[in-house]
Amino acid sequence: MVPTQILAETFKAEGFDGVEYRSGLAKGINVVLFDAGAAKPLRTYLYSLKQVKYTFTGDQFAIQLQKDRADQVLTELTSESP
């Protein structure tokens, strides 16, 4: 079980109907309902995901590598898909 699933199961067991939290990927709010039948959708939208991009930085993050015969320390990593 991942930590977020443990938290969700704990909230559900304590009688919560759901949780709301800030998105970690973009500006916005995410809502999780533990019972999908507890709410009635007002509108539905279909989105196609075109790209996901993560950038990791920080003092605790470092990768040592060698490029062009010189040692370097990478303190930022960006990953994109596709």
PDB file of N, CA and C in Angstrom:
ATOM      1  N   MET A   1       0.834  -1.187   0.000  1.00  0.00           N
ATOM      2  CA  MET A   1       0.000   0.000   0.000  1.00  0.00           C
ATOM      3  C   MET A   1       0.879   1.250   0.000  1.00  0.00           C
ATOM      4  N   VAL A   2       0.551   2.220  -0.821  1.00  0.00           N
ATOM      5  CA  VAL A   2       1.296   3.470  -0.853  1.00  0.00           C
ATOM      6  C   VAL A   2       0.771   4.400   0.234  1.00  0.00           C
ATOM      7  N   PRO A   3       1.586   5.356   0.709  1.00  0.00           N
ATOM      8  CA  PRO A   3       1.161   6.248   1.795  1.00  0.00           C
ATOM      9  C   PRO A   3      -0.149   6.987   1.516  1.00  0.00           C
ATOM     10  N   THR A   4      -0.367   7.435   0.278  1.00  0.00           N
ATOM     11  CA  THR A   4      -1.606   8.159  -0.013  1.00  0.00           C
ATOM     12  C   THR A   4      -2.825   7.253   0.116  1.00  0.00           C
ATOM     13  N   GLN A   5      -2.667   5.976  -0.230  1.00  0.00           N
ATOM     14  CA  GLN A   5      -3.777   5.040  -0.083  1.00  0.00           C
ATOM     15  C   GLN A   5      -4.057   4.774   1.394  1.00  0.00           C
ATOM     16  N   ILE A   6      -3.025   4.712   2.207  1.00  0.00           N
ATOM     17  CA  ILE A   6      -3.202   4.521   3.648  1.00  0.00           C
ATOM     18  C   ILE A   6      -3.957   5.703   4.237  1.00  0.00           C
ATOM     19  N   LEU A   7      -3.578   6.911   3.844  1.00  0.00           N
ATOM     20  CA  LEU A   7      -4.288   8.105   4.328  1.00  0.00           C
ATOM     21  C   LEU A   7      -5.752   8.084   3.902  1.00  0.00           C
ATOM     22  N   ALA A   8      -6.013   7.769   2.643  1.00  0.00           N
ATOM     23  CA  ALA A   8      -7.390   7.735   2.145  1.00  0.00           C
ATOM     24  C   ALA A   8      -8.216   6.695   2.899  1.00  0.00           C
ATOM     25  N   GLU A   9      -7.651   5.520   3.124  1.00  0.00           N
ATOM     26  CA  GLU A   9      -8.369   4.467   3.854  1.00  0.00           C
ATOM     27  C   GLU A   9      -8.644   4.896   5.295  1.00  0.00           C
ATOM     28  N   THR A  10      -7.717   5.623   5.903  1.00  0.00           N
ATOM     29  CA  THR A  10      -7.913   6.122   7.272  1.00  0.00           C
ATOM     30  C   THR A  10      -9.039   7.139   7.316  1.00  0.00           C
ATOM     31  N   PHE A  11      -9.049   8.095   6.390  1.00  0.00           N
ATOM     32  CA  PHE A  11     -10.124   9.092   6.346  1.00  0.00           C
ATOM     33  C   PHE A  11     -11.479   8.424   6.121  1.00  0.00           C
ATOM     34  N   LYS A  12     -11.501   7.463   5.223  1.00  0.00           N
ATOM     35  CA  LYS A  12     -12.745   6.741   4.931  1.00  0.00           C
ATOM     36  C   LYS A  12     -13.243   5.996   6.171  1.00  0.00           C
ATOM     37  N   ALA A  13     -12.337   5.341   6.883  1.00  0.00           N
ATOM     38  CA  ALA A  13     -12.703   4.597   8.093  1.00  0.00           C
ATOM     39  C   ALA A  13     -13.207   5.526   9.195  1.00  0.00           C
ATOM     40  N   GLU A  14     -12.755   6.777   9.186  1.00  0.00           N
ATOM     41  CA  GLU A  14     -13.187   7.753  10.192  1.00  0.00           C
ATOM     42  C   GLU A  14     -14.503   8.422   9.817  1.00  0.00           C
ATOM     43  N   GLY A  15     -15.087   8.028   8.685  1.00  0.00           N
ATOM     44  CA  GLY A  15     -16.402   8.538   8.308  1.00  0.00           C
ATOM     45  C   GLY A  15     -16.411   9.686   7.318  1.00  0.00           C
ATOM     46  N   PHE A  16     -15.263  10.053   6.797  1.00  0.00           N
ATOM     47  CA  PHE A  16     -15.222  11.120   5.799  1.00  0.00           C
ATOM     48  C   PHE A  16     -15.819  10.625   4.488  1.00  0.00           C
ATOM     49  N   ASP A  17     -16.483  11.523   3.752  1.00  0.00           N
ATOM     50  CA  ASP A  17     -17.062  11.178   2.452  1.00  0.00           C
ATOM     51  C   ASP A  17     -16.045  11.291   1.323  1.00  0.00           C
ATOM     52  N   GLY A  18     -14.960  12.028   1.568  1.00  0.00           N
ATOM     53  CA  GLY A  18     -13.934  12.214   0.555  1.00  0.00           C
ATOM     54  C   GLY A  18     -12.875  13.171   1.045  1.00  0.00           C
ATOM     55  N   VAL A  19     -11.947  13.487   0.175  1.00  0.00           N
ATOM     56  CA  VAL A  19     -10.891  14.443   0.493  1.00  0.00           C
ATOM     57  C   VAL A  19     -10.685  15.382  -0.691  1.00  0.00           C
ATOM     58  N   GLU A  20     -10.188  16.574  -0.374  1.00  0.00           N
ATOM     59  CA  GLU A  20      -9.857  17.580  -1.380  1.00  0.00           C
ATOM     60  C   GLU A  20      -8.416  17.999  -1.123  1.00  0.00           C
ATOM     61  N   TYR A  21      -7.627  18.115  -2.201  1.00  0.00           N
ATOM     62  CA  TYR A  21      -6.225  18.481  -2.032  1.00  0.00           C
ATOM     63  C   TYR A  21      -5.722  19.215  -3.269  1.00  0.00           C
ATOM     64  N   ARG A  22      -4.660  20.000  -3.070  1.00  0.00           N
ATOM     65  CA  ARG A  22      -4.055  20.723  -4.192  1.00  0.00           C
ATOM     66  C   ARG A  22      -3.317  19.751  -5.098  1.00  0.00           C
ATOM     67  N   SER A  23      -3.378  20.009  -6.382  1.00  0.00           N
ATOM     68  CA  SER A  23      -2.687  19.165  -7.356  1.00  0.00           C
ATOM     69  C   SER A  23      -1.181  19.348  -7.227  1.00  0.00           C
ATOM     70  N   GLY A  24      -0.455  18.247  -7.350  1.00  0.00           N
ATOM     71  CA  GLY A  24       0.992  18.298  -7.359  1.00  0.00           C
ATOM     72  C   GLY A  24       1.563  18.489  -8.754  1.00  0.00           C
ATOM     73  N   LEU A  25       0.709  18.415  -9.780  1.00  0.00           N
ATOM     74  CA  LEU A  25       1.179  18.531 -11.160  1.00  0.00           C
ATOM     75  C   LEU A  25       0.875  19.878 -11.790  1.00  0.00           C
ATOM     76  N   ALA A  26      -0.196  20.526 -11.364  1.00  0.00           N
ATOM     77  CA  ALA A  26      -0.590  21.797 -11.968  1.00  0.00           C
ATOM     78  C   ALA A  26      -1.418  22.584 -10.965  1.00  0.00           C
ATOM     79  N   LYS A  27      -1.740  23.813 -11.308  1.00  0.00           N
ATOM     80  CA  LYS A  27      -2.621  24.595 -10.456  1.00  0.00           C
ATOM     81  C   LYS A  27      -4.008  23.977 -10.496  1.00  0.00           C
ATOM     82  N   GLY A  28      -4.604  23.813  -9.340  1.00  0.00           N
ATOM     83  CA  GLY A  28      -5.941  23.240  -9.313  1.00  0.00           C
ATOM     84  C   GLY A  28      -6.176  22.421  -8.069  1.00  0.00           C
ATOM     85  N   ILE A  29      -7.389  21.966  -7.938  1.00  0.00           N
ATOM     86  CA  ILE A  29      -7.832  21.191  -6.788  1.00  0.00           C
ATOM     87  C   ILE A  29      -8.307  19.827  -7.262  1.00  0.00           C
ATOM     88  N   ASN A  30      -7.920  18.790  -6.565  1.00  0.00           N
ATOM     89  CA  ASN A  30      -8.400  17.437  -6.831  1.00  0.00           C
ATOM     90  C   ASN A  30      -9.392  17.048  -5.749  1.00  0.00           C
ATOM     91  N   VAL A  31     -10.437  16.326  -6.131  1.00  0.00           N
ATOM     92  CA  VAL A  31     -11.441  15.842  -5.194  1.00  0.00           C
ATOM     93  C   VAL A  31     -11.561  14.333  -5.360  1.00  0.00           C
ATOM     94  N   VAL A  32     -11.505  13.622  -4.244  1.00  0.00           N
ATOM     95  CA  VAL A  32     -11.684  12.170  -4.247  1.00  0.00           C
ATOM     96  C   VAL A  32     -12.902  11.856  -3.402  1.00  0.00           C
ATOM     97  N   LEU A  33     -13.882  11.193  -4.004  1.00  0.00           N
ATOM     98  CA  LEU A  33     -15.067  10.752  -3.279  1.00  0.00           C
ATOM     99  C   LEU A  33     -14.944   9.264  -3.002  1.00  0.00           C
ATOM    100  N   PHE A  34     -15.204   8.865  -1.767  1.00  0.00           N
ATOM    101  CA  PHE A  34     -15.108   7.451  -1.425  1.00  0.00           C
ATOM    102  C   PHE A  34     -16.323   6.671  -1.919  1.00  0.00           C
ATOM    103  N   ASP A  35     -17.426   7.370  -2.190  1.00  0.00           N
ATOM    104  CA  ASP A  35     -18.623   6.754  -2.759  1.00  0.00           C
ATOM    105  C   ASP A  35     -19.043   7.600  -3.954  1.00  0.00           C
ATOM    106  N   ALA A  36     -18.779   7.127  -5.163  1.00  0.00           N
ATOM    107  CA  ALA A  36     -19.084   7.900  -6.374  1.00  0.00           C
ATOM    108  C   ALA A  36     -20.573   8.194  -6.493  1.00  0.00           C
ATOM    109  N   GLY A  37     -21.425   7.381  -5.878  1.00  0.00           N
ATOM    110  CA  GLY A  37     -22.865   7.608  -5.925  1.00  0.00           C
ATOM    111  C   GLY A  37     -23.335   8.711  -4.990  1.00  0.00           C
ATOM    112  N   ALA A  38     -22.430   9.253  -4.180  1.00  0.00           N
ATOM    113  CA  ALA A  38     -22.795  10.299  -3.223  1.00  0.00           C
ATOM    114  C   ALA A  38     -22.899  11.671  -3.875  1.00  0.00           C
ATOM    115  N   ALA A  39     -22.503  11.796  -5.118  1.00  0.00           N
ATOM    116  CA  ALA A  39     -22.532  13.089  -5.810  1.00  0.00           C
ATOM    117  C   ALA A  39     -23.121  12.906  -7.198  1.00  0.00           C
ATOM    118  N   LYS A  40     -23.697  13.982  -7.693  1.00  0.00           N
ATOM    119  CA  LYS A  40     -24.266  13.972  -9.039  1.00  0.00           C
ATOM    120  C   LYS A  40     -23.437  14.919  -9.919  1.00  0.00           C
ATOM    121  N   PRO A  41     -22.843  14.410 -10.993  1.00  0.00           N
ATOM    122  CA  PRO A  41     -22.047  15.286 -11.860  1.00  0.00           C
ATOM    123  C   PRO A  41     -22.921  16.338 -12.538  1.00  0.00           C
ATOM    124  N   LEU A  42     -22.422  17.560 -12.600  1.00  0.00           N
ATOM    125  CA  LEU A  42     -23.126  18.634 -13.300  1.00  0.00           C
ATOM    126  C   LEU A  42     -22.778  18.634 -14.777  1.00  0.00           C
ATOM    127  N   ARG A  43     -21.506  18.368 -15.083  1.00  0.00           N
ATOM    128  CA  ARG A  43     -21.012  18.319 -16.459  1.00  0.00           C
ATOM    129  C   ARG A  43     -19.924  17.268 -16.532  1.00  0.00           C
ATOM    130  N   THR A  44     -19.670  16.778 -17.717  1.00  0.00           N
ATOM    131  CA  THR A  44     -18.531  15.875 -17.923  1.00  0.00           C
ATOM    132  C   THR A  44     -17.698  16.405 -19.083  1.00  0.00           C
ATOM    133  N   TYR A  45     -16.413  16.163 -19.005  1.00  0.00           N
ATOM    134  CA  TYR A  45     -15.483  16.589 -20.035  1.00  0.00           C
ATOM    135  C   TYR A  45     -14.554  15.426 -20.352  1.00  0.00           C
ATOM    136  N   LEU A  46     -14.105  15.356 -21.584  1.00  0.00           N
ATOM    137  CA  LEU A  46     -13.135  14.356 -21.993  1.00  0.00           C
ATOM    138  C   LEU A  46     -11.858  15.085 -22.400  1.00  0.00           C
ATOM    139  N   TYR A  47     -10.763  14.726 -21.761  1.00  0.00           N
ATOM    140  CA  TYR A  47      -9.476  15.332 -22.055  1.00  0.00           C
ATOM    141  C   TYR A  47      -8.537  14.270 -22.583  1.00  0.00           C
ATOM    142  N   SER A  48      -7.668  14.660 -23.512  1.00  0.00           N
ATOM    143  CA  SER A  48      -6.606  13.779 -23.996  1.00  0.00           C
ATOM    144  C   SER A  48      -5.285  14.289 -23.440  1.00  0.00           C
ATOM    145  N   LEU A  49      -4.560  13.439 -22.770  1.00  0.00           N
ATOM    146  CA  LEU A  49      -3.265  13.800 -22.216  1.00  0.00           C
ATOM    147  C   LEU A  49      -2.235  13.818 -23.336  1.00  0.00           C
ATOM    148  N   LYS A  50      -1.576  14.963 -23.519  1.00  0.00           N
ATOM    149  CA  LYS A  50      -0.591  15.083 -24.582  1.00  0.00           C
ATOM    150  C   LYS A  50       0.833  15.005 -24.071  1.00  0.00           C
ATOM    151  N   GLN A  51       1.070  15.459 -22.828  1.00  0.00           N
ATOM    152  CA  GLN A  51       2.434  15.461 -22.323  1.00  0.00           C
ATOM    153  C   GLN A  51       2.423  15.571 -20.803  1.00  0.00           C
ATOM    154  N   VAL A  52       3.377  14.918 -20.173  1.00  0.00           N
ATOM    155  CA  VAL A  52       3.604  15.040 -18.742  1.00  0.00           C
ATOM    156  C   VAL A  52       5.068  15.400 -18.559  1.00  0.00           C
ATOM    157  N   LYS A  53       5.329  16.377 -17.695  1.00  0.00           N
ATOM    158  CA  LYS A  53       6.705  16.817 -17.480  1.00  0.00           C
ATOM    159  C   LYS A  53       6.947  16.953 -15.977  1.00  0.00           C
ATOM    160  N   TYR A  54       8.013  16.325 -15.497  1.00  0.00           N
ATOM    161  CA  TYR A  54       8.419  16.419 -14.097  1.00  0.00           C
ATOM    162  C   TYR A  54       9.805  17.036 -14.044  1.00  0.00           C
ATOM    163  N   THR A  55      10.019  17.951 -13.107  1.00  0.00           N
ATOM    164  CA  THR A  55      11.338  18.518 -12.876  1.00  0.00           C
ATOM    165  C   THR A  55      11.660  18.370 -11.397  1.00  0.00           C
ATOM    166  N   PHE A  56      12.776  17.729 -11.096  1.00  0.00           N
ATOM    167  CA  PHE A  56      13.201  17.501  -9.726  1.00  0.00           C
ATOM    168  C   PHE A  56      14.415  18.365  -9.433  1.00  0.00           C
ATOM    169  N   THR A  57      14.356  19.106  -8.336  1.00  0.00           N
ATOM    170  CA  THR A  57      15.493  19.933  -7.919  1.00  0.00           C
ATOM    171  C   THR A  57      15.601  19.875  -6.400  1.00  0.00           C
ATOM    172  N   GLY A  58      16.709  20.348  -5.891  1.00  0.00           N
ATOM    173  CA  GLY A  58      16.836  20.462  -4.443  1.00  0.00           C
ATOM    174  C   GLY A  58      18.210  20.092  -3.936  1.00  0.00           C
ATOM    175  N   ASP A  59      18.454  20.460  -2.695  1.00  0.00           N
ATOM    176  CA  ASP A  59      19.737  20.177  -2.061  1.00  0.00           C
ATOM    177  C   ASP A  59      19.931  18.681  -1.828  1.00  0.00           C
ATOM    178  N   GLN A  60      18.844  17.958  -1.607  1.00  0.00           N
ATOM    179  CA  GLN A  60      18.941  16.540  -1.316  1.00  0.00           C
ATOM    180  C   GLN A  60      19.075  15.703  -2.588  1.00  0.00           C
ATOM    181  N   PHE A  61      18.910  16.329  -3.741  1.00  0.00           N
ATOM    182  CA  PHE A  61      18.905  15.611  -5.014  1.00  0.00           C
ATOM    183  C   PHE A  61      20.195  15.912  -5.768  1.00  0.00           C
ATOM    184  N   ALA A  62      20.966  14.917  -6.061  1.00  0.00           N
ATOM    185  CA  ALA A  62      22.188  15.108  -6.850  1.00  0.00           C
ATOM    186  C   ALA A  62      22.580  13.790  -7.509  1.00  0.00           C
ATOM    187  N   ILE A  63      22.972  13.892  -8.765  1.00  0.00           N
ATOM    188  CA  ILE A  63      23.461  12.728  -9.509  1.00  0.00           C
ATOM    189  C   ILE A  63      24.864  13.074 -10.005  1.00  0.00           C
ATOM    190  N   GLN A  64      25.813  12.241  -9.673  1.00  0.00           N
ATOM    191  CA  GLN A  64      27.166  12.449 -10.158  1.00  0.00           C
ATOM    192  C   GLN A  64      27.327  11.720 -11.477  1.00  0.00           C
ATOM    193  N   LEU A  65      27.896  12.412 -12.451  1.00  0.00           N
ATOM    194  CA  LEU A  65      28.112  11.795 -13.750  1.00  0.00           C
ATOM    195  C   LEU A  65      29.374  12.339 -14.374  1.00  0.00           C
ATOM    196  N   GLN A  66      29.778  11.673 -15.438  1.00  0.00           N
ATOM    197  CA  GLN A  66      30.959  12.107 -16.162  1.00  0.00           C
ATOM    198  C   GLN A  66      30.555  12.385 -17.603  1.00  0.00           C
ATOM    199  N   LYS A  67      30.843  13.603 -18.047  1.00  0.00           N
ATOM    200  CA  LYS A  67      30.499  14.011 -19.408  1.00  0.00           C
ATOM    201  C   LYS A  67      31.723  14.677 -20.018  1.00  0.00           C
ATOM    202  N   ASP A  68      32.081  14.252 -21.205  1.00  0.00           N
ATOM    203  CA  ASP A  68      33.270  14.780 -21.885  1.00  0.00           C
ATOM    204  C   ASP A  68      34.508  14.704 -20.990  1.00  0.00           C
ATOM    205  N   ARG A  69      34.641  13.572 -20.294  1.00  0.00           N
ATOM    206  CA  ARG A  69      35.784  13.284 -19.408  1.00  0.00           C
ATOM    207  C   ARG A  69      35.893  14.246 -18.226  1.00  0.00           C
ATOM    208  N   ALA A  70      34.822  14.925 -17.902  1.00  0.00           N
ATOM    209  CA  ALA A  70      34.826  15.820 -16.744  1.00  0.00           C
ATOM    210  C   ALA A  70      33.715  15.393 -15.782  1.00  0.00           C
ATOM    211  N   ASP A  71      34.018  15.397 -14.479  1.00  0.00           N
ATOM    212  CA  ASP A  71      33.018  15.064 -13.477  1.00  0.00           C
ATOM    213  C   ASP A  71      32.039  16.219 -13.326  1.00  0.00           C
ATOM    214  N   GLN A  72      30.755  15.885 -13.244  1.00  0.00           N
ATOM    215  CA  GLN A  72      29.710  16.890 -13.057  1.00  0.00           C
ATOM    216  C   GLN A  72      28.727  16.387 -12.014  1.00  0.00           C
ATOM    217  N   VAL A  73      28.053  17.321 -11.361  1.00  0.00           N
ATOM    218  CA  VAL A  73      26.981  16.989 -10.429  1.00  0.00           C
ATOM    219  C   VAL A  73      25.705  17.611 -10.972  1.00  0.00           C
ATOM    220  N   LEU A  74      24.740  16.774 -11.235  1.00  0.00           N
ATOM    221  CA  LEU A  74      23.452  17.205 -11.767  1.00  0.00           C
ATOM    222  C   LEU A  74      22.505  17.438 -10.596  1.00  0.00           C
ATOM    223  N   THR A  75      21.997  18.671 -10.450  1.00  0.00           N
ATOM    224  CA  THR A  75      21.096  18.975  -9.333  1.00  0.00           C
ATOM    225  C   THR A  75      19.675  19.233  -9.797  1.00  0.00           C
ATOM    226  N   GLU A  76      19.436  19.072 -11.097  1.00  0.00           N
ATOM    227  CA  GLU A  76      18.079  19.202 -11.630  1.00  0.00           C
ATOM    228  C   GLU A  76      17.882  18.137 -12.706  1.00  0.00           C
ATOM    229  N   LEU A  77      16.727  17.494 -12.670  1.00  0.00           N
ATOM    230  CA  LEU A  77      16.432  16.437 -13.626  1.00  0.00           C
ATOM    231  C   LEU A  77      15.044  16.683 -14.175  1.00  0.00           C
ATOM    232  N   THR A  78      14.910  16.676 -15.494  1.00  0.00           N
ATOM    233  CA  THR A  78      13.612  16.858 -16.139  1.00  0.00           C
ATOM    234  C   THR A  78      13.305  15.621 -16.963  1.00  0.00           C
ATOM    235  N   SER A  79      12.092  15.146 -16.829  1.00  0.00           N
ATOM    236  CA  SER A  79      11.638  13.973 -17.574  1.00  0.00           C
ATOM    237  C   SER A  79      10.327  14.324 -18.258  1.00  0.00           C
ATOM    238  N   GLU A  80      10.223  14.034 -19.552  1.00  0.00           N
ATOM    239  CA  GLU A  80       9.009  14.311 -20.308  1.00  0.00           C
ATOM    240  C   GLU A  80       8.503  13.038 -20.963  1.00  0.00           C
ATOM    241  N   SER A  81       7.210  12.987 -21.134  1.00  0.00           N
ATOM    242  CA  SER A  81       6.592  11.878 -21.843  1.00  0.00           C
ATOM    243  C   SER A  81       5.421  12.418 -22.643  1.00  0.00           C
ATOM    244  N   PRO A  82       5.247  12.091 -23.839  1.00  0.00           N
ATOM    245  CA  PRO A  82       6.102  11.388 -24.766  1.00  0.00           C
ATOM    246  C   PRO A  82       7.163  12.298 -25.313  1.00  0.00           C
TER     247      PRO A  82
END
